[in-house]
N, C-alpha and C. Protein backbone atom coordinates (compact mmCIF):
# COMPACT_ATOMS: atom_id res chain seq x y z
N THR A 1 41.32 -21.76 -27.83
CA THR A 1 41.73 -21.74 -26.43
C THR A 1 40.66 -21.02 -25.60
N GLU A 2 40.69 -21.30 -24.33
CA GLU A 2 39.75 -20.66 -23.43
C GLU A 2 40.08 -19.17 -23.30
N ASP A 3 39.05 -18.32 -23.35
CA ASP A 3 39.22 -16.86 -23.22
C ASP A 3 39.25 -16.51 -21.74
N PRO A 4 40.43 -16.10 -21.21
CA PRO A 4 40.56 -15.81 -19.79
C PRO A 4 40.13 -14.39 -19.40
N SER A 5 39.77 -13.55 -20.38
CA SER A 5 39.44 -12.16 -20.04
C SER A 5 38.15 -12.09 -19.21
N ASP A 6 38.04 -10.98 -18.48
CA ASP A 6 36.90 -10.77 -17.58
C ASP A 6 36.45 -9.31 -17.72
N PRO A 7 35.78 -8.95 -18.82
CA PRO A 7 35.44 -7.55 -19.05
C PRO A 7 34.47 -6.95 -18.03
N ASP A 8 33.65 -7.76 -17.38
CA ASP A 8 32.71 -7.19 -16.41
C ASP A 8 33.25 -7.19 -14.98
N GLY A 9 34.46 -7.74 -14.77
CA GLY A 9 35.12 -7.67 -13.47
C GLY A 9 34.46 -8.47 -12.36
N ASP A 10 33.73 -9.52 -12.71
CA ASP A 10 33.05 -10.31 -11.68
C ASP A 10 33.87 -11.49 -11.18
N GLY A 11 35.10 -11.62 -11.67
CA GLY A 11 35.95 -12.71 -11.23
C GLY A 11 35.80 -13.99 -12.02
N LEU A 12 34.95 -13.97 -13.05
CA LEU A 12 34.76 -15.14 -13.91
C LEU A 12 35.26 -14.82 -15.31
N SER A 13 35.93 -15.76 -15.92
CA SER A 13 36.44 -15.54 -17.27
C SER A 13 35.30 -15.60 -18.28
N ASN A 14 35.55 -15.04 -19.46
CA ASN A 14 34.56 -15.15 -20.54
C ASN A 14 34.22 -16.60 -20.82
N TYR A 15 35.22 -17.47 -20.81
CA TYR A 15 34.98 -18.88 -21.06
C TYR A 15 34.01 -19.45 -20.01
N GLU A 16 34.29 -19.18 -18.73
CA GLU A 16 33.41 -19.69 -17.67
C GLU A 16 31.98 -19.16 -17.85
N GLU A 17 31.86 -17.86 -18.14
CA GLU A 17 30.52 -17.27 -18.26
C GLU A 17 29.77 -17.79 -19.48
N LEU A 18 30.45 -17.87 -20.64
CA LEU A 18 29.75 -18.25 -21.86
C LEU A 18 29.55 -19.76 -22.01
N VAL A 19 30.55 -20.54 -21.64
CA VAL A 19 30.50 -21.97 -21.89
C VAL A 19 29.97 -22.76 -20.69
N GLU A 20 30.47 -22.43 -19.51
CA GLU A 20 30.12 -23.24 -18.34
C GLU A 20 28.87 -22.77 -17.60
N LEU A 21 28.66 -21.44 -17.51
CA LEU A 21 27.61 -20.93 -16.63
C LEU A 21 26.42 -20.30 -17.36
N ASN A 22 26.59 -20.00 -18.62
CA ASN A 22 25.53 -19.33 -19.39
C ASN A 22 25.12 -18.00 -18.77
N THR A 23 26.14 -17.25 -18.30
CA THR A 23 25.90 -15.91 -17.77
C THR A 23 26.43 -14.88 -18.76
N ASP A 24 26.12 -13.62 -18.52
CA ASP A 24 26.51 -12.55 -19.42
C ASP A 24 27.91 -12.06 -19.07
N PRO A 25 28.90 -12.22 -19.96
CA PRO A 25 30.26 -11.81 -19.65
C PRO A 25 30.44 -10.29 -19.60
N ASN A 26 29.42 -9.53 -20.01
CA ASN A 26 29.50 -8.07 -19.97
C ASN A 26 28.65 -7.47 -18.85
N ASP A 27 28.04 -8.33 -18.04
CA ASP A 27 27.20 -7.87 -16.93
C ASP A 27 27.66 -8.61 -15.67
N PRO A 28 28.21 -7.90 -14.69
CA PRO A 28 28.73 -8.58 -13.50
C PRO A 28 27.64 -9.26 -12.66
N ASP A 29 26.37 -8.88 -12.87
CA ASP A 29 25.26 -9.46 -12.11
C ASP A 29 24.18 -9.90 -13.11
N SER A 30 24.36 -11.07 -13.68
CA SER A 30 23.50 -11.53 -14.77
C SER A 30 22.02 -11.62 -14.39
N ASP A 31 21.71 -11.93 -13.14
CA ASP A 31 20.30 -12.06 -12.76
C ASP A 31 19.76 -10.83 -12.03
N ASP A 32 20.57 -9.77 -11.93
CA ASP A 32 20.17 -8.49 -11.32
C ASP A 32 19.62 -8.64 -9.90
N ASP A 33 20.23 -9.54 -9.12
CA ASP A 33 19.78 -9.71 -7.74
C ASP A 33 20.62 -8.94 -6.73
N GLY A 34 21.61 -8.18 -7.23
CA GLY A 34 22.45 -7.39 -6.35
C GLY A 34 23.75 -8.07 -5.94
N TYR A 35 23.98 -9.29 -6.42
CA TYR A 35 25.19 -10.03 -6.09
C TYR A 35 25.89 -10.40 -7.39
N ASN A 36 27.19 -10.08 -7.49
CA ASN A 36 27.87 -10.37 -8.76
C ASN A 36 28.02 -11.87 -8.97
N ASP A 37 28.14 -12.23 -10.25
CA ASP A 37 28.16 -13.64 -10.64
C ASP A 37 29.28 -14.42 -9.96
N GLY A 38 30.46 -13.83 -9.84
CA GLY A 38 31.58 -14.51 -9.19
C GLY A 38 31.30 -14.80 -7.73
N LEU A 39 30.70 -13.85 -7.03
CA LEU A 39 30.33 -14.07 -5.63
C LEU A 39 29.31 -15.20 -5.52
N GLU A 40 28.32 -15.19 -6.40
CA GLU A 40 27.30 -16.24 -6.35
C GLU A 40 27.90 -17.62 -6.57
N ILE A 41 28.85 -17.73 -7.48
CA ILE A 41 29.50 -19.02 -7.71
C ILE A 41 30.29 -19.43 -6.46
N SER A 42 31.01 -18.49 -5.86
CA SER A 42 31.79 -18.83 -4.65
C SER A 42 30.88 -19.19 -3.48
N GLU A 43 29.67 -18.64 -3.47
CA GLU A 43 28.70 -18.93 -2.41
C GLU A 43 27.82 -20.14 -2.73
N LYS A 44 28.04 -20.72 -3.90
CA LYS A 44 27.26 -21.88 -4.36
C LYS A 44 25.78 -21.55 -4.54
N THR A 45 25.51 -20.32 -5.04
CA THR A 45 24.15 -19.94 -5.42
C THR A 45 24.12 -19.79 -6.93
N ASP A 46 22.95 -19.60 -7.51
CA ASP A 46 22.79 -19.58 -8.96
C ASP A 46 22.83 -18.15 -9.49
N PRO A 47 23.86 -17.80 -10.32
CA PRO A 47 23.96 -16.45 -10.86
C PRO A 47 22.92 -16.14 -11.93
N ASN A 48 22.10 -17.14 -12.28
CA ASN A 48 21.05 -16.93 -13.27
C ASN A 48 19.65 -16.86 -12.66
N LEU A 49 19.54 -17.05 -11.37
CA LEU A 49 18.23 -17.01 -10.70
C LEU A 49 18.25 -15.95 -9.60
N ALA A 50 17.48 -14.90 -9.76
CA ALA A 50 17.45 -13.82 -8.78
C ALA A 50 16.86 -14.26 -7.44
N THR A 51 16.11 -15.34 -7.43
CA THR A 51 15.49 -15.80 -6.19
C THR A 51 16.42 -16.67 -5.34
N ILE A 52 17.58 -17.00 -5.89
CA ILE A 52 18.57 -17.79 -5.15
C ILE A 52 19.83 -16.94 -5.05
N TYR A 53 20.12 -16.48 -3.85
CA TYR A 53 21.22 -15.55 -3.63
C TYR A 53 21.94 -15.91 -2.33
N PRO A 54 23.12 -15.34 -2.11
CA PRO A 54 23.87 -15.64 -0.88
C PRO A 54 23.13 -15.16 0.37
N THR A 55 23.16 -15.98 1.41
CA THR A 55 22.50 -15.63 2.66
C THR A 55 23.43 -15.88 3.84
N ARG A 56 23.03 -15.33 4.96
CA ARG A 56 23.69 -15.59 6.24
C ARG A 56 22.58 -15.85 7.26
N ALA A 57 22.91 -16.60 8.30
CA ALA A 57 21.90 -17.01 9.28
C ALA A 57 22.15 -16.40 10.65
N VAL A 58 21.04 -16.09 11.31
CA VAL A 58 21.07 -15.73 12.73
C VAL A 58 20.50 -16.93 13.48
N THR A 59 21.32 -17.52 14.34
CA THR A 59 20.89 -18.62 15.18
C THR A 59 20.88 -18.12 16.62
N ILE A 60 19.77 -18.34 17.30
CA ILE A 60 19.65 -17.85 18.67
C ILE A 60 19.44 -19.04 19.59
N THR A 61 20.32 -19.16 20.58
CA THR A 61 20.19 -20.19 21.59
C THR A 61 18.95 -19.87 22.43
N THR A 62 18.16 -20.88 22.71
CA THR A 62 16.94 -20.67 23.49
C THR A 62 17.31 -20.03 24.83
N PRO A 63 16.77 -18.84 25.08
CA PRO A 63 17.13 -18.13 26.31
C PRO A 63 16.37 -18.65 27.52
N VAL A 64 16.87 -18.31 28.69
CA VAL A 64 16.21 -18.60 29.96
C VAL A 64 15.59 -17.29 30.44
N ASN A 65 14.36 -17.33 30.88
CA ASN A 65 13.65 -16.19 31.47
C ASN A 65 13.28 -15.10 30.47
N GLY A 66 13.11 -15.47 29.20
CA GLY A 66 12.67 -14.51 28.19
C GLY A 66 12.53 -15.18 26.85
N SER A 67 12.21 -14.39 25.85
CA SER A 67 12.09 -14.91 24.49
C SER A 67 12.81 -13.97 23.53
N VAL A 68 13.11 -14.48 22.35
CA VAL A 68 13.86 -13.71 21.37
C VAL A 68 13.21 -13.88 19.99
N ALA A 69 13.15 -12.79 19.24
CA ALA A 69 12.65 -12.82 17.86
C ALA A 69 13.76 -12.37 16.93
N GLY A 70 13.75 -12.90 15.71
CA GLY A 70 14.69 -12.46 14.69
C GLY A 70 15.61 -13.52 14.15
N ALA A 71 15.53 -14.74 14.65
CA ALA A 71 16.36 -15.81 14.11
C ALA A 71 15.90 -16.11 12.70
N GLY A 72 16.84 -16.54 11.84
CA GLY A 72 16.46 -16.92 10.49
C GLY A 72 17.56 -16.63 9.49
N SER A 73 17.19 -16.72 8.22
CA SER A 73 18.11 -16.52 7.12
C SER A 73 17.89 -15.14 6.51
N TYR A 74 18.98 -14.44 6.23
CA TYR A 74 18.92 -13.08 5.69
C TYR A 74 19.84 -12.96 4.49
N PRO A 75 19.49 -12.12 3.51
CA PRO A 75 20.38 -11.89 2.38
C PRO A 75 21.74 -11.36 2.86
N LEU A 76 22.79 -11.81 2.23
CA LEU A 76 24.15 -11.36 2.54
C LEU A 76 24.20 -9.84 2.54
N SER A 77 24.82 -9.26 3.55
CA SER A 77 25.04 -7.82 3.73
C SER A 77 23.78 -7.03 4.05
N SER A 78 22.65 -7.71 4.26
CA SER A 78 21.45 -6.99 4.67
C SER A 78 21.54 -6.73 6.17
N THR A 79 20.54 -6.06 6.71
CA THR A 79 20.49 -5.79 8.14
C THR A 79 19.39 -6.64 8.77
N ALA A 80 19.77 -7.36 9.79
CA ALA A 80 18.81 -8.16 10.56
C ALA A 80 18.56 -7.45 11.88
N GLU A 81 17.37 -7.66 12.42
CA GLU A 81 17.06 -7.12 13.74
C GLU A 81 16.64 -8.26 14.65
N ILE A 82 17.30 -8.35 15.80
CA ILE A 82 16.88 -9.33 16.79
C ILE A 82 16.43 -8.55 18.03
N SER A 83 15.43 -9.08 18.69
CA SER A 83 14.93 -8.40 19.88
C SER A 83 14.65 -9.42 20.98
N ALA A 84 14.85 -8.99 22.20
CA ALA A 84 14.68 -9.85 23.37
C ALA A 84 13.55 -9.29 24.24
N THR A 85 12.68 -10.19 24.70
CA THR A 85 11.58 -9.81 25.57
C THR A 85 11.66 -10.63 26.85
N PRO A 86 11.85 -9.95 27.99
CA PRO A 86 11.97 -10.69 29.24
C PRO A 86 10.62 -11.20 29.74
N PHE A 87 10.66 -12.31 30.47
CA PHE A 87 9.47 -12.79 31.16
C PHE A 87 9.22 -11.86 32.35
N ILE A 88 8.03 -11.93 32.89
CA ILE A 88 7.67 -11.07 34.02
C ILE A 88 8.65 -11.28 35.18
N GLY A 89 9.11 -10.16 35.75
CA GLY A 89 10.05 -10.21 36.86
C GLY A 89 11.50 -10.21 36.44
N TYR A 90 11.75 -10.16 35.13
CA TYR A 90 13.12 -10.17 34.61
C TYR A 90 13.33 -8.97 33.70
N VAL A 91 14.57 -8.63 33.46
CA VAL A 91 14.95 -7.56 32.54
C VAL A 91 16.00 -8.10 31.57
N PHE A 92 16.01 -7.54 30.37
CA PHE A 92 17.06 -7.89 29.42
C PHE A 92 18.37 -7.30 29.92
N SER A 93 19.43 -8.12 29.88
CA SER A 93 20.73 -7.68 30.36
C SER A 93 21.70 -7.40 29.21
N GLU A 94 21.92 -8.44 28.36
CA GLU A 94 22.88 -8.27 27.27
C GLU A 94 22.78 -9.43 26.28
N TRP A 95 23.44 -9.26 25.15
CA TRP A 95 23.61 -10.33 24.17
C TRP A 95 24.94 -11.00 24.44
N ALA A 96 24.98 -12.31 24.28
CA ALA A 96 26.23 -13.06 24.44
C ALA A 96 26.38 -13.97 23.23
N GLY A 97 27.46 -14.72 23.18
CA GLY A 97 27.78 -15.55 22.02
C GLY A 97 28.71 -14.77 21.12
N GLU A 98 28.40 -14.71 19.84
CA GLU A 98 29.24 -13.97 18.90
C GLU A 98 28.91 -12.48 18.90
N ILE A 99 27.91 -12.11 19.66
CA ILE A 99 27.54 -10.69 19.81
C ILE A 99 27.64 -10.35 21.29
N THR A 100 28.37 -9.33 21.62
CA THR A 100 28.47 -8.90 23.01
C THR A 100 28.10 -7.43 23.07
N ARG A 101 26.81 -7.18 23.09
CA ARG A 101 26.29 -5.81 23.15
C ARG A 101 25.05 -5.79 24.02
N SER A 102 24.60 -4.60 24.35
CA SER A 102 23.41 -4.50 25.19
C SER A 102 22.25 -3.80 24.50
N ASP A 103 22.38 -3.48 23.21
CA ASP A 103 21.29 -2.85 22.47
C ASP A 103 20.12 -3.83 22.35
N ASN A 104 18.92 -3.32 22.54
CA ASN A 104 17.73 -4.15 22.35
C ASN A 104 16.58 -3.27 21.92
N PRO A 105 16.09 -3.45 20.69
CA PRO A 105 16.50 -4.44 19.71
C PRO A 105 17.89 -4.12 19.14
N LEU A 106 18.47 -5.12 18.51
CA LEU A 106 19.83 -5.00 17.98
C LEU A 106 19.82 -5.16 16.48
N GLN A 107 20.44 -4.24 15.78
CA GLN A 107 20.59 -4.29 14.32
C GLN A 107 21.95 -4.94 14.02
N ILE A 108 21.94 -5.93 13.13
CA ILE A 108 23.16 -6.66 12.79
C ILE A 108 23.35 -6.65 11.27
N LYS A 109 24.52 -6.24 10.80
CA LYS A 109 24.83 -6.36 9.37
C LYS A 109 25.22 -7.80 9.10
N MET A 110 24.53 -8.42 8.17
CA MET A 110 24.68 -9.86 7.95
C MET A 110 25.80 -10.19 6.96
N ASP A 111 27.03 -10.00 7.42
CA ASP A 111 28.19 -10.38 6.62
C ASP A 111 28.71 -11.76 7.01
N ASN A 112 28.29 -12.25 8.17
CA ASN A 112 28.69 -13.57 8.67
C ASN A 112 27.47 -14.24 9.31
N ASN A 113 27.55 -15.55 9.48
CA ASN A 113 26.54 -16.23 10.28
C ASN A 113 26.74 -15.81 11.72
N ILE A 114 25.65 -15.64 12.44
CA ILE A 114 25.71 -15.14 13.82
C ILE A 114 25.03 -16.13 14.75
N ASN A 115 25.70 -16.45 15.85
CA ASN A 115 25.10 -17.22 16.94
C ASN A 115 24.99 -16.28 18.13
N ALA A 116 23.80 -16.19 18.71
CA ALA A 116 23.60 -15.26 19.81
C ALA A 116 22.72 -15.88 20.88
N VAL A 117 22.83 -15.33 22.08
CA VAL A 117 21.93 -15.71 23.18
C VAL A 117 21.62 -14.43 23.95
N ALA A 118 20.36 -14.30 24.34
CA ALA A 118 19.95 -13.16 25.16
C ALA A 118 20.08 -13.56 26.62
N ILE A 119 20.68 -12.67 27.40
CA ILE A 119 20.84 -12.90 28.83
C ILE A 119 19.83 -12.02 29.57
N PHE A 120 19.05 -12.65 30.42
CA PHE A 120 18.07 -11.93 31.23
C PHE A 120 18.47 -12.06 32.70
N ALA A 121 18.19 -11.01 33.46
CA ALA A 121 18.52 -11.01 34.89
C ALA A 121 17.25 -10.71 35.69
N LYS A 122 17.26 -11.11 36.94
CA LYS A 122 16.15 -10.76 37.83
C LYS A 122 16.06 -9.24 37.90
N ASP A 123 14.85 -8.72 37.90
CA ASP A 123 14.63 -7.27 38.00
C ASP A 123 14.81 -6.87 39.46
N GLN A 124 15.99 -6.33 39.77
CA GLN A 124 16.33 -5.96 41.14
C GLN A 124 15.84 -4.56 41.52
N ARG A 125 15.21 -3.88 40.59
CA ARG A 125 14.68 -2.55 40.92
C ARG A 125 13.56 -2.69 41.95
N ASP A 126 13.26 -1.61 42.62
CA ASP A 126 12.19 -1.59 43.61
C ASP A 126 11.36 -0.33 43.36
N PHE A 127 10.44 -0.42 42.42
CA PHE A 127 9.66 0.74 41.99
C PHE A 127 8.92 1.42 43.15
N ASP A 128 8.39 0.64 44.08
CA ASP A 128 7.57 1.22 45.15
C ASP A 128 8.32 1.40 46.47
N SER A 129 9.62 1.14 46.49
CA SER A 129 10.47 1.35 47.67
C SER A 129 9.95 0.64 48.92
N ASP A 130 9.44 -0.56 48.75
CA ASP A 130 8.92 -1.31 49.90
C ASP A 130 9.92 -2.33 50.43
N GLY A 131 11.11 -2.39 49.85
CA GLY A 131 12.13 -3.31 50.32
C GLY A 131 12.15 -4.64 49.58
N LEU A 132 11.22 -4.84 48.64
CA LEU A 132 11.20 -6.05 47.82
C LEU A 132 11.53 -5.68 46.38
N SER A 133 12.36 -6.48 45.75
CA SER A 133 12.67 -6.22 44.34
C SER A 133 11.43 -6.47 43.49
N ASN A 134 11.40 -5.87 42.33
CA ASN A 134 10.29 -6.12 41.40
C ASN A 134 10.19 -7.61 41.09
N HIS A 135 11.32 -8.29 40.92
CA HIS A 135 11.31 -9.73 40.68
C HIS A 135 10.61 -10.46 41.82
N ASP A 136 11.02 -10.17 43.05
CA ASP A 136 10.42 -10.86 44.19
C ASP A 136 8.92 -10.56 44.31
N GLU A 137 8.54 -9.31 44.04
CA GLU A 137 7.11 -8.99 44.11
C GLU A 137 6.32 -9.75 43.06
N LEU A 138 6.83 -9.79 41.83
CA LEU A 138 6.08 -10.40 40.73
C LEU A 138 6.16 -11.92 40.69
N VAL A 139 7.33 -12.47 40.99
CA VAL A 139 7.56 -13.90 40.81
C VAL A 139 7.38 -14.68 42.12
N VAL A 140 7.88 -14.14 43.22
CA VAL A 140 7.89 -14.89 44.47
C VAL A 140 6.62 -14.65 45.31
N HIS A 141 6.24 -13.38 45.48
CA HIS A 141 5.16 -13.03 46.42
C HIS A 141 3.83 -12.66 45.77
N ASN A 142 3.85 -12.47 44.44
CA ASN A 142 2.62 -12.10 43.73
C ASN A 142 2.00 -10.80 44.27
N THR A 143 2.87 -9.83 44.56
CA THR A 143 2.41 -8.52 45.03
C THR A 143 2.60 -7.50 43.92
N ASP A 144 2.12 -6.29 44.15
CA ASP A 144 2.16 -5.22 43.15
C ASP A 144 3.47 -4.44 43.31
N PRO A 145 4.36 -4.49 42.30
CA PRO A 145 5.64 -3.79 42.43
C PRO A 145 5.51 -2.26 42.37
N ASN A 146 4.32 -1.77 42.10
CA ASN A 146 4.10 -0.33 42.03
C ASN A 146 3.31 0.19 43.24
N LYS A 147 3.07 -0.68 44.19
CA LYS A 147 2.29 -0.31 45.37
C LYS A 147 3.00 -0.88 46.60
N ALA A 148 3.48 -0.01 47.49
CA ALA A 148 4.27 -0.43 48.65
C ALA A 148 3.50 -1.35 49.59
N ASP A 149 2.18 -1.16 49.67
CA ASP A 149 1.35 -1.98 50.57
C ASP A 149 0.25 -2.62 49.72
N SER A 150 0.54 -3.77 49.15
CA SER A 150 -0.36 -4.42 48.20
C SER A 150 -1.73 -4.73 48.79
N ASP A 151 -1.80 -5.07 50.08
CA ASP A 151 -3.09 -5.44 50.67
C ASP A 151 -3.73 -4.30 51.47
N ASP A 152 -3.13 -3.10 51.43
CA ASP A 152 -3.69 -1.90 52.08
C ASP A 152 -3.95 -2.08 53.58
N ASP A 153 -3.06 -2.82 54.26
CA ASP A 153 -3.27 -3.02 55.70
C ASP A 153 -2.41 -2.10 56.56
N GLY A 154 -1.68 -1.18 55.93
CA GLY A 154 -0.85 -0.25 56.67
C GLY A 154 0.59 -0.70 56.86
N PHE A 155 0.93 -1.89 56.38
CA PHE A 155 2.30 -2.41 56.50
C PHE A 155 2.84 -2.66 55.10
N THR A 156 4.07 -2.22 54.87
CA THR A 156 4.64 -2.41 53.54
C THR A 156 4.86 -3.89 53.25
N ASP A 157 4.86 -4.22 51.98
CA ASP A 157 5.06 -5.61 51.57
C ASP A 157 6.38 -6.16 52.10
N GLY A 158 7.43 -5.35 52.06
CA GLY A 158 8.74 -5.79 52.54
C GLY A 158 8.73 -6.10 54.02
N LEU A 159 8.06 -5.26 54.81
CA LEU A 159 7.95 -5.50 56.25
C LEU A 159 7.18 -6.79 56.52
N GLU A 160 6.07 -6.97 55.81
CA GLU A 160 5.27 -8.18 56.02
C GLU A 160 6.07 -9.44 55.69
N VAL A 161 6.83 -9.42 54.59
CA VAL A 161 7.63 -10.58 54.22
C VAL A 161 8.70 -10.84 55.28
N SER A 162 9.35 -9.77 55.76
CA SER A 162 10.41 -9.95 56.77
C SER A 162 9.85 -10.46 58.11
N GLU A 163 8.57 -10.22 58.35
CA GLU A 163 7.91 -10.68 59.59
C GLU A 163 7.14 -11.98 59.39
N ASP A 164 7.35 -12.63 58.23
CA ASP A 164 6.64 -13.88 57.88
C ASP A 164 5.13 -13.70 57.87
N SER A 165 4.70 -12.52 57.45
CA SER A 165 3.27 -12.24 57.31
C SER A 165 2.96 -12.25 55.81
N ASP A 166 1.72 -12.43 55.44
CA ASP A 166 1.33 -12.50 54.04
C ASP A 166 1.03 -11.09 53.52
N PRO A 167 1.85 -10.58 52.58
CA PRO A 167 1.63 -9.21 52.07
C PRO A 167 0.40 -9.08 51.19
N ASN A 168 -0.29 -10.20 50.92
CA ASN A 168 -1.51 -10.17 50.11
C ASN A 168 -2.77 -10.34 50.96
N GLU A 169 -2.60 -10.51 52.26
CA GLU A 169 -3.73 -10.78 53.15
C GLU A 169 -3.74 -9.74 54.26
N SER A 170 -4.74 -8.89 54.28
CA SER A 170 -4.80 -7.84 55.31
C SER A 170 -5.25 -8.41 56.64
């Protein structure tokens, strides 16, 4: 009769390990890859090959106004890091999708597949206090967000824009 005992506690019977899988019934992780044989069978990976183990994926929706790094396949229960980089004139706002956090970069424990998207917003700060947002200076007017009077003509960039004057032409 089939031996139903499981001395190594991996969830597989001696019969399954010895006859069907050719794994060690006294070692819960026959290939020493850090994942027990029963888990590998349930994940449809090979308990005899350390190079084939359970994984989880990070899928990132292509963001608007920035880029993201860190998509890919990771070993089950490992830590993945995803990071968002805004395009000029934008700032990272938050992660959306299955992750709703604002950490950047973000560390994720890979117990599940993850779908994420980085949300970027216009940079509404005004570093030089000239009345134009950093976004408007960098993207719309091509002026210096760190210099209130980009063309050094004595009028702030914000005043020139409000008067329909060119803040880049003295």
